Protein backbone atom coordinates (compact mmCIF):
# COMPACT_ATOMS: atom_id res chain seq x y z
CA MET A 1 10.87 -34.03 -17.68
CA TRP A 2 12.94 -30.92 -18.22
CA GLN A 3 12.56 -29.48 -21.71
CA LYS A 4 14.20 -26.66 -23.55
CA ASN A 5 12.46 -23.30 -22.95
CA LYS A 6 10.08 -24.88 -20.47
CA ASN A 7 8.55 -22.66 -17.79
CA ILE A 8 8.26 -24.14 -14.33
CA CYS A 9 5.86 -22.71 -11.78
CA ILE A 10 5.51 -24.18 -8.29
CA PHE A 11 2.84 -23.05 -5.83
CA VAL A 12 3.62 -23.80 -2.18
CA ARG A 13 1.15 -23.17 0.65
CA PHE A 14 2.52 -22.31 4.11
CA GLY A 15 -0.51 -22.90 6.33
CA ALA A 16 -3.86 -21.17 6.05
CA GLU A 17 -2.61 -17.60 6.13
CA ALA A 18 0.41 -17.56 3.86
CA ALA A 19 1.44 -18.72 0.44
CA ALA A 20 4.47 -18.24 -1.75
CA LEU A 21 4.76 -18.39 -5.47
CA PHE A 22 8.10 -19.40 -6.94
CA SER A 23 8.62 -19.33 -10.66
CA VAL A 24 11.69 -20.26 -12.60
CA THR A 25 11.98 -19.48 -16.27
CA GLU A 26 15.15 -20.71 -17.91
CA THR A 27 16.32 -21.81 -21.31
CA TRP A 28 19.00 -24.39 -21.75
CA ASN A 29 20.76 -22.05 -24.17
CA ASN A 30 21.21 -19.49 -21.41
CA MET A 31 21.57 -21.47 -18.19
CA ASP A 32 25.03 -20.38 -17.08
CA LYS A 33 25.23 -17.21 -15.03
CA ARG A 34 28.35 -15.32 -14.00
CA VAL A 35 29.38 -15.48 -10.35
CA VAL A 36 31.45 -12.90 -8.46
CA VAL A 37 32.88 -12.42 -4.98
CA THR A 38 31.30 -9.42 -3.24
CA GLY A 39 32.39 -9.96 0.37
CA MET A 40 34.93 -11.78 2.51
CA GLY A 41 35.55 -12.39 6.20
CA ILE A 42 38.12 -14.30 8.21
CA ILE A 43 39.14 -15.43 11.68
CA SER A 44 42.68 -16.84 11.58
CA PRO A 45 45.97 -17.27 13.43
CA VAL A 46 47.36 -14.23 11.56
CA GLY A 47 44.40 -11.88 11.72
CA ASN A 48 40.72 -11.59 12.48
CA ASN A 49 39.81 -9.36 9.56
CA ILE A 50 40.70 -9.37 5.87
CA GLU A 51 43.09 -6.42 5.95
CA THR A 52 45.20 -7.76 8.83
CA TYR A 53 45.20 -11.29 7.46
CA TRP A 54 46.33 -10.19 4.01
CA GLN A 55 49.06 -7.86 5.25
CA ASN A 56 50.44 -10.51 7.59
CA LEU A 57 50.56 -13.03 4.75
CA LEU A 58 52.55 -10.57 2.65
CA ASP A 59 54.87 -9.81 5.57
CA GLY A 60 55.51 -13.49 6.28
CA VAL A 61 54.14 -13.28 9.81
CA CYS A 62 53.98 -16.67 11.53
CA GLY A 63 50.78 -17.36 13.47
CA ILE A 64 52.11 -20.58 14.98
CA ASP A 65 53.19 -20.67 18.62
CA PHE A 66 53.06 -22.78 21.77
CA LEU A 67 49.47 -23.62 22.65
CA THR A 68 47.98 -21.62 25.52
CA SER A 69 44.32 -22.69 25.55
CA ILE A 70 44.94 -26.30 26.59
CA LYS A 71 47.37 -28.27 28.72
CA THR A 72 50.05 -29.89 26.58
CA ASP A 73 52.18 -31.68 29.19
CA ASP A 74 51.25 -35.16 27.94
CA LEU A 75 50.91 -34.28 24.26
CA PRO A 76 53.56 -35.19 21.67
CA VAL A 77 52.90 -31.84 19.90
CA LYS A 78 52.69 -28.61 21.87
CA ILE A 79 52.35 -26.00 19.12
CA GLY A 80 49.56 -24.89 16.81
CA GLY A 81 47.94 -22.00 15.02
CA GLU A 82 45.59 -20.55 17.62
CA VAL A 83 43.25 -17.65 16.91
CA LYS A 84 44.41 -14.70 19.02
CA ASP A 85 42.64 -11.65 20.47
CA PHE A 86 39.22 -12.91 19.40
CA ASN A 87 36.34 -11.03 20.96
CA PRO A 88 32.89 -12.21 19.80
CA ALA A 89 31.37 -8.84 20.68
CA ASP A 90 33.43 -7.25 17.89
CA TYR A 91 31.19 -9.13 15.46
CA GLU A 92 27.89 -8.39 17.21
CA ILE A 93 27.82 -11.85 18.77
CA GLU A 94 25.95 -11.92 22.06
CA THR A 95 27.66 -13.30 25.17
CA PRO A 96 25.06 -16.07 25.77
CA PHE A 97 25.47 -17.32 22.20
CA ALA A 98 29.27 -17.28 22.41
CA ARG A 99 29.16 -19.09 25.75
CA LYS A 100 26.73 -21.83 24.72
CA GLN A 101 27.85 -22.52 21.15
CA ASP A 102 30.92 -24.47 20.12
CA ARG A 103 33.94 -22.44 19.05
CA PHE A 104 33.63 -23.59 15.43
CA SER A 105 30.15 -22.04 15.17
CA VAL A 106 31.21 -18.79 16.83
CA PHE A 107 34.15 -18.43 14.44
CA ALA A 108 31.87 -19.03 11.45
CA VAL A 109 29.28 -16.50 12.58
CA ALA A 110 32.05 -13.90 13.05
CA ALA A 111 33.53 -14.48 9.60
CA ALA A 112 30.09 -14.41 7.97
CA TRP A 113 29.24 -11.14 9.75
CA GLN A 114 32.35 -9.54 8.23
CA ALA A 115 31.61 -10.89 4.76
CA MET A 116 27.98 -9.81 4.78
CA ARG A 117 28.88 -6.32 5.97
CA GLN A 118 31.44 -5.97 3.21
CA SER A 119 29.03 -7.26 0.57
CA GLY A 120 26.15 -5.00 1.64
CA LEU A 121 23.63 -7.80 1.14
CA ASP A 122 20.49 -7.61 3.27
CA ALA A 123 17.77 -10.28 3.31
CA SER A 124 15.58 -8.58 5.89
CA GLU A 125 12.17 -7.23 4.90
CA GLY A 126 12.74 -4.52 2.32
CA GLY A 127 16.34 -5.62 1.80
CA ASN A 128 18.23 -6.05 -1.46
CA VAL A 129 18.15 -9.85 -1.79
CA ASP A 130 15.23 -12.27 -1.67
CA PRO A 131 15.67 -14.45 1.45
CA PHE A 132 14.67 -17.52 -0.59
CA ARG A 133 17.48 -16.70 -3.05
CA LEU A 134 20.16 -16.33 -0.36
CA GLY A 135 21.87 -19.57 0.66
CA VAL A 136 24.53 -20.80 3.09
CA TYR A 137 27.20 -23.36 2.16
CA VAL A 138 29.55 -23.37 5.18
CA GLY A 139 31.12 -26.67 6.26
CA SER A 140 33.44 -28.05 8.92
CA GLY A 141 35.70 -31.07 8.92
CA THR A 142 35.12 -31.99 12.58
CA GLY A 143 32.21 -29.83 13.76
CA GLY A 144 31.79 -29.31 17.50
CA PHE A 145 34.81 -31.32 18.58
CA THR A 146 35.17 -29.56 21.93
CA THR A 147 31.50 -30.10 22.70
CA MET A 148 31.71 -33.77 21.73
CA VAL A 149 34.63 -34.43 24.08
CA ARG A 150 33.15 -32.44 26.98
CA GLU A 151 29.72 -34.05 26.84
CA THR A 152 31.15 -37.53 26.28
CA GLY A 153 33.16 -37.06 29.47
CA LYS A 154 30.01 -36.08 31.34
CA CYS A 155 28.13 -39.12 30.09
CA LEU A 156 30.90 -41.55 31.01
CA ASN A 157 31.95 -40.04 34.32
CA GLU A 158 28.76 -38.52 35.75
CA GLY A 159 25.94 -40.29 33.93
CA PRO A 160 23.63 -39.62 30.95
CA LYS A 161 21.38 -37.21 32.84
CA TRP A 162 24.22 -34.68 32.98
CA VAL A 163 24.58 -34.42 29.21
CA SER A 164 23.53 -30.95 28.04
CA PRO A 165 20.21 -30.68 26.17
CA LEU A 166 22.15 -28.46 23.76
CA PHE A 167 24.70 -31.21 23.03
CA ILE A 168 23.34 -32.28 19.65
CA PRO A 169 22.43 -28.84 18.20
CA THR A 170 25.81 -27.54 19.33
CA MET A 171 27.99 -30.44 18.17
CA ILE A 172 26.66 -31.36 14.73
CA SER A 173 28.82 -30.00 11.96
CA ASN A 174 25.97 -28.39 10.01
CA MET A 175 25.20 -26.03 12.88
CA ALA A 176 27.63 -23.31 11.79
CA ALA A 177 25.65 -23.00 8.55
CA GLY A 178 22.39 -23.12 10.48
CA ASN A 179 23.43 -20.33 12.83
CA ILE A 180 24.58 -18.17 9.92
CA ALA A 181 21.30 -18.71 8.10
CA ILE A 182 19.30 -17.75 11.19
CA ARG A 183 21.23 -14.52 11.67
CA HIS A 184 21.00 -13.41 8.05
CA ASN A 185 17.51 -14.70 7.20
CA ALA A 186 18.98 -16.94 4.50
CA CYS A 187 16.03 -19.14 3.53
CA GLY A 188 17.54 -20.43 0.28
CA PRO A 189 19.67 -23.54 -0.31
CA CYS A 190 21.74 -24.57 2.73
CA LEU A 191 24.37 -27.25 2.14
CA PRO A 192 27.15 -27.76 4.72
CA VAL A 193 29.90 -29.84 3.10
CA VAL A 194 32.14 -32.28 5.02
CA THR A 195 35.18 -33.49 3.06
CA ALA A 196 37.98 -33.18 5.63
CA CYS A 197 40.60 -30.63 4.56
CA ALA A 198 38.87 -30.06 1.21
CA THR A 199 35.62 -29.06 2.95
CA SER A 200 35.51 -25.34 2.28
CA THR A 201 36.96 -25.59 -1.23
CA HIS A 202 34.12 -27.94 -2.11
CA ALA A 203 31.63 -25.68 -0.32
CA ILE A 204 32.71 -22.72 -2.45
CA GLY A 205 32.68 -24.80 -5.61
CA GLU A 206 29.20 -26.15 -4.98
CA ALA A 207 27.94 -22.67 -4.09
CA TYR A 208 29.39 -21.41 -7.38
CA ARG A 209 27.52 -24.09 -9.30
CA ALA A 210 24.25 -23.37 -7.48
CA ILE A 211 24.39 -19.71 -8.49
CA LYS A 212 25.73 -20.43 -11.96
CA HIS A 213 22.78 -22.70 -12.71
CA GLY A 214 20.17 -20.39 -11.25
CA TYR A 215 19.32 -21.90 -7.86
CA ALA A 216 20.34 -18.83 -5.84
CA ASP A 217 21.27 -15.17 -6.29
CA ALA A 218 23.88 -15.18 -3.51
CA ILE A 219 25.43 -17.72 -1.15
CA ILE A 220 27.38 -17.28 2.08
CA THR A 221 30.09 -19.93 1.71
CA GLY A 222 33.28 -21.16 3.34
CA GLY A 223 34.45 -23.26 6.25
CA THR A 224 35.23 -23.26 9.94
CA GLU A 225 37.23 -25.37 12.36
CA ALA A 226 38.14 -25.50 16.05
CA ALA A 227 39.90 -28.83 16.66
CA LEU A 228 42.90 -27.64 18.72
CA ILE A 229 42.07 -29.87 21.67
CA PRO A 230 44.08 -32.76 23.15
CA LEU A 231 42.07 -35.47 21.37
CA GLY A 232 42.44 -33.76 18.00
CA ILE A 233 46.17 -33.25 18.42
CA ALA A 234 46.69 -36.79 19.71
CA GLY A 235 44.75 -38.27 16.79
CA PHE A 236 46.66 -36.42 14.07
CA ALA A 237 50.00 -36.82 15.86
CA ASN A 238 49.58 -40.56 16.31
CA ALA A 239 48.72 -40.82 12.62
CA LYS A 240 52.20 -39.34 11.98
CA ALA A 241 50.69 -36.31 10.23
CA LEU A 242 51.91 -33.49 12.51
CA SER A 243 55.23 -31.72 12.67
CA ARG A 244 57.16 -32.60 15.85
CA SER A 245 59.26 -29.44 15.65
CA GLU A 246 59.77 -27.72 19.00
CA ASP A 247 60.40 -24.40 17.26
CA PRO A 248 57.13 -22.74 16.21
CA LEU A 249 58.91 -20.74 13.53
CA ARG A 250 60.32 -23.90 11.94
CA ALA A 251 57.28 -26.15 12.20
CA SER A 252 55.11 -25.40 9.14
CA LEU A 253 57.49 -25.67 6.18
CA PRO A 254 55.64 -26.29 2.89
CA PHE A 255 57.84 -27.49 0.03
CA ASN A 256 60.92 -27.30 2.27
CA LYS A 257 63.23 -30.32 2.29
CA ASN A 258 63.26 -30.05 6.12
CA ARG A 259 59.48 -30.33 6.42
CA GLY A 260 58.17 -32.83 8.92
CA GLY A 261 54.38 -32.63 8.84
CA PHE A 262 51.62 -30.08 9.11
CA VAL A 263 50.71 -27.82 12.02
CA MET A 264 47.10 -27.84 13.22
CA ALA A 265 45.35 -24.47 13.23
CA GLU A 266 41.86 -23.09 13.79
CA GLY A 267 39.64 -20.37 12.41
CA ALA A 268 37.00 -19.65 9.80
CA ALA A 269 36.77 -17.99 6.40
CA VAL A 270 33.67 -16.95 4.47
CA LEU A 271 33.12 -15.53 1.00
CA ILE A 272 29.93 -14.05 -0.44
CA LEU A 273 29.33 -15.38 -3.94
CA GLU A 274 26.74 -13.49 -5.95
CA GLU A 275 25.24 -13.63 -9.40
CA TYR A 276 26.91 -10.95 -11.51
CA GLU A 277 23.79 -9.13 -12.74
CA HIS A 278 22.33 -9.14 -9.23
CA ALA A 279 25.53 -7.56 -7.89
CA MET A 280 25.62 -5.04 -10.75
CA GLN A 281 22.04 -3.92 -10.20
CA ARG A 282 22.68 -3.04 -6.57
CA GLY A 283 26.08 -1.42 -7.26
CA ALA A 284 28.12 -3.91 -5.23
CA ASP A 285 31.90 -3.95 -5.13
CA MET A 286 33.31 -7.06 -6.84
CA PHE A 287 36.69 -8.53 -5.93
CA ALA A 288 37.00 -11.34 -8.49
CA GLU A 289 34.93 -13.62 -10.67
CA VAL A 290 34.51 -17.28 -9.77
CA CYS A 291 34.98 -19.12 -13.04
CA GLY A 292 35.88 -22.78 -12.49
CA TYR A 293 35.57 -25.75 -10.15
CA GLY A 294 36.98 -29.26 -10.11
CA ASN A 295 36.14 -32.18 -7.84
CA THR A 296 37.72 -35.66 -7.92
CA CYS A 297 38.65 -38.48 -5.56
CA ASP A 298 41.98 -40.33 -5.37
CA ALA A 299 40.25 -43.67 -4.61
CA HIS A 300 43.65 -44.63 -3.23
CA HIS A 301 44.11 -44.39 0.58
CA VAL A 302 42.33 -42.98 3.63
CA THR A 303 45.13 -40.54 4.49
CA ALA A 304 47.88 -40.59 1.87
CA PRO A 305 47.44 -38.66 -1.39
CA ARG A 306 47.72 -40.53 -4.66
CA PRO A 307 51.49 -40.29 -5.32
CA ASP A 308 51.35 -39.92 -9.11
CA GLY A 309 49.13 -36.83 -8.84
CA LYS A 310 46.73 -37.96 -11.59
CA THR A 311 43.46 -37.48 -9.76
CA GLN A 312 44.57 -34.25 -8.13
CA ALA A 313 45.62 -32.99 -11.57
CA ALA A 314 42.19 -33.88 -12.96
CA ALA A 315 40.47 -31.58 -10.44
CA ILE A 316 42.90 -28.77 -11.25
CA ARG A 317 42.41 -29.25 -14.97
CA GLN A 318 38.62 -29.26 -14.62
CA ALA A 319 38.75 -25.88 -12.88
CA LEU A 320 41.21 -24.40 -15.38
CA ASP A 321 39.29 -25.64 -18.41
CA GLU A 322 36.02 -24.22 -17.11
CA ALA A 323 37.82 -20.94 -16.42
CA GLY A 324 39.08 -20.73 -20.00
CA TYR A 325 42.73 -20.77 -18.95
CA THR A 326 45.36 -20.32 -21.68
CA SER A 327 49.13 -20.01 -21.62
CA ASP A 328 48.70 -16.26 -22.07
CA ASP A 329 47.24 -16.00 -18.57
CA VAL A 330 49.39 -15.05 -15.59
CA LEU A 331 48.53 -17.82 -13.18
CA TYR A 332 48.74 -17.82 -9.39
CA ILE A 333 48.21 -21.09 -7.51
CA ASN A 334 47.51 -21.11 -3.78
CA ALA A 335 48.68 -24.65 -3.12
CA HIS A 336 47.37 -27.03 -0.49
CA GLY A 337 51.03 -27.21 0.58
CA THR A 338 50.71 -28.85 3.99
CA GLY A 339 54.40 -29.52 4.60
CA THR A 340 54.01 -33.29 4.81
CA ALA A 341 56.49 -35.49 2.96
CA LEU A 342 53.83 -37.06 0.74
CA ASN A 343 51.58 -34.07 0.00
CA ASP A 344 54.15 -31.64 -1.31
CA VAL A 345 55.71 -34.07 -3.79
CA ALA A 346 52.37 -35.44 -5.01
CA GLU A 347 50.96 -31.94 -5.39
CA THR A 348 53.98 -30.84 -7.40
CA ALA A 349 53.44 -33.81 -9.70
CA ALA A 350 49.79 -32.84 -10.04
CA PHE A 351 50.65 -29.28 -11.09
CA LYS A 352 53.00 -30.60 -13.77
CA LEU A 353 50.41 -33.05 -15.09
CA ALA A 354 47.68 -30.42 -15.14
CA LEU A 355 49.72 -27.60 -16.65
CA GLY A 356 52.57 -29.18 -18.60
CA ASP A 357 55.31 -26.63 -19.29
CA ASP A 358 53.07 -23.87 -17.93
CA ALA A 359 53.69 -25.27 -14.43
CA TYR A 360 57.17 -23.76 -14.52
CA ARG A 361 55.76 -20.31 -15.34
CA ALA A 362 53.06 -20.34 -12.66
CA HIS A 363 53.44 -18.38 -9.45
CA ILE A 364 52.73 -20.78 -6.58
CA SER A 365 52.72 -20.41 -2.81
CA SER A 366 51.38 -22.09 0.32
CA THR A 367 50.06 -19.69 2.93
CA LYS A 368 50.10 -22.52 5.47
CA GLY A 369 53.66 -21.45 6.24
CA SER A 370 52.03 -18.51 8.02
CA THR A 371 48.70 -19.87 9.19
CA GLY A 372 49.30 -23.54 9.76
CA HIS A 373 46.62 -25.93 8.53
CA MET A 374 43.10 -24.72 9.34
CA LEU A 375 41.66 -28.09 8.25
CA GLY A 376 38.04 -27.62 7.10
CA ALA A 377 38.53 -23.83 7.00
CA ALA A 378 41.81 -23.98 5.07
CA GLY A 379 40.36 -23.96 1.56
CA ALA A 380 38.24 -20.87 2.19
CA ALA A 381 41.09 -19.03 3.93
CA GLU A 382 43.29 -19.80 0.94
CA ALA A 383 40.54 -18.82 -1.50
CA VAL A 384 40.49 -15.43 0.22
CA ALA A 385 44.26 -15.19 -0.34
CA ALA A 386 43.79 -16.09 -4.01
CA VAL A 387 41.11 -13.43 -4.47
CA MET A 388 43.26 -10.84 -2.72
CA ALA A 389 46.22 -11.75 -4.93
CA LEU A 390 44.12 -11.03 -8.02
CA HIS A 391 42.58 -7.90 -6.53
CA ASN A 392 45.94 -6.43 -5.48
CA GLY A 393 48.22 -7.86 -8.18
CA VAL A 394 50.57 -9.44 -5.62
CA VAL A 395 51.37 -13.09 -4.85
CA PRO A 396 51.87 -13.86 -1.13
CA PRO A 397 54.99 -15.85 -0.25
CA THR A 398 55.57 -19.31 1.15
CA ARG A 399 56.96 -18.37 4.55
CA GLY A 400 59.97 -20.35 5.80
CA LEU A 401 60.97 -21.71 2.41
CA ASP A 402 64.76 -21.48 2.70
CA GLU A 403 65.76 -24.98 1.49
CA ILE A 404 63.58 -26.19 -1.35
CA GLU A 405 62.74 -29.88 -1.64
CA PRO A 406 64.50 -31.04 -4.87
CA GLU A 407 61.36 -32.82 -6.09
CA CYS A 408 59.37 -29.59 -5.63
CA ASP A 409 61.12 -27.72 -8.43
CA LEU A 410 58.45 -25.16 -9.33
CA ASP A 411 58.28 -21.48 -8.38
CA TYR A 412 56.94 -21.64 -4.83
CA THR A 413 57.56 -17.93 -4.11
CA PRO A 414 59.97 -18.31 -1.18
CA ASN A 415 59.64 -15.79 1.68
CA THR A 416 59.03 -12.62 -0.35
CA PRO A 417 55.82 -11.48 -2.08
CA VAL A 418 55.96 -10.97 -5.84
CA LYS A 419 54.08 -8.32 -7.81
CA CYS A 420 53.05 -9.97 -11.05
CA ASP A 421 49.43 -8.90 -11.72
CA PRO A 422 47.93 -12.39 -12.11
CA THR A 423 44.91 -12.69 -14.38
CA ILE A 424 43.70 -16.00 -12.96
CA ALA A 425 44.16 -17.72 -9.62
CA ILE A 426 43.32 -21.20 -8.41
CA SER A 427 43.23 -22.71 -4.94
CA ASP A 428 43.38 -26.47 -4.53
CA SER A 429 42.73 -28.64 -1.47
CA LEU A 430 43.35 -32.31 -0.75
CA GLY A 431 41.50 -34.04 2.09
CA PHE A 432 41.73 -37.34 3.96
CA GLY A 433 39.71 -39.94 2.10
CA GLY A 434 41.22 -38.75 -1.19
CA HIS A 435 38.93 -35.74 -1.64
CA ASN A 436 40.36 -33.24 -4.15
CA GLY A 437 38.91 -29.83 -4.89
CA CYS A 438 40.01 -26.83 -6.93
CA ILE A 439 38.37 -23.46 -7.52
CA ALA A 440 39.36 -20.84 -10.07
CA PHE A 441 38.98 -17.06 -9.97
CA ARG A 442 39.53 -14.41 -12.63
CA LYS A 443 40.56 -10.81 -12.22
CA LEU A 444 37.76 -8.36 -12.99
């Protein structure tokens, strides 16, 4: 059993020629470590690097347009947030890899490449991080959706022998994390999370806990998604979740009384979380401190959020309490804010339950007005926005918010960024199945 001040030493033999010695010495009085963000990367409908993405959020650029990568003649929804001008070679991704792998994996590898370059971490021989202390927590809500549909078609129409031998290792949703680990020699904990639209928020939160409690020195974490295919659109549309607007600029309308559903989008976002002392010792730049995480389930409905907001509020409160939030803090909330009738009202209720009167002083926005809903990648993309808000002292706006839903009576930062120098920022995500996640960051 674990005991206070106990030393644990584990000897593991790797064949006849190699052995590794891992020792962990911890005291229960000093278990919690500080965790910081030292790198970020993104592939999104409004930019394929952090600088472009952030500036376009501030400028209220809309990344939603008519879909060009698929035929939409028979689809009830013909718009989405496609990634534009994406060239894998810009991220040192080889053509054979980009051609053979599913789009969700390629996006993830590109975002991780950016984040690792910014962080300066190197797990190669002689590098600055132990490979066994570098992990990967990158998830996806749907995984290789395009691959699944293509190979299913082959099996049904041409016969089983025509199914690609790469079908399984290309389609399974953990493969983005696997490919990232291979490229960066990350031999530490690898945990791809799958919790629908809360996927990458939970991935970041679990990565934070792993570092906080001493299981890793750094983790590559986030989410990725590429579900803009006819089957994906048809499924969400027939579930009455998608906006039927024929005007791309008036389709994704979080907290707007004219909202009619969310807009599907694609992309990937990755953050490098690192133990504070480890980052300090190597002189790394730090963008924010990760300081809280909450995780609850509605236990209510497979698609609809719990309308009273109680379980969502519990996740938010968990993150805020762990972060040491007080009313003296200047709080920014990057809301889930999908633009569906049920989400926006329930989420507003959750903010009020979690914060009380402080909810009316908080600066809140949904960046989905610009990006659309990146599904499993949304939480990480929005975590990047939260970190950038702290780092730059500016809250990005909710684009398209010209007529506020009366039941959404908080400060949702309509259309124009606000300079307010927040001291703490949270990003919350709500996923099908009732999965709620919230992560908190503090300004350094």
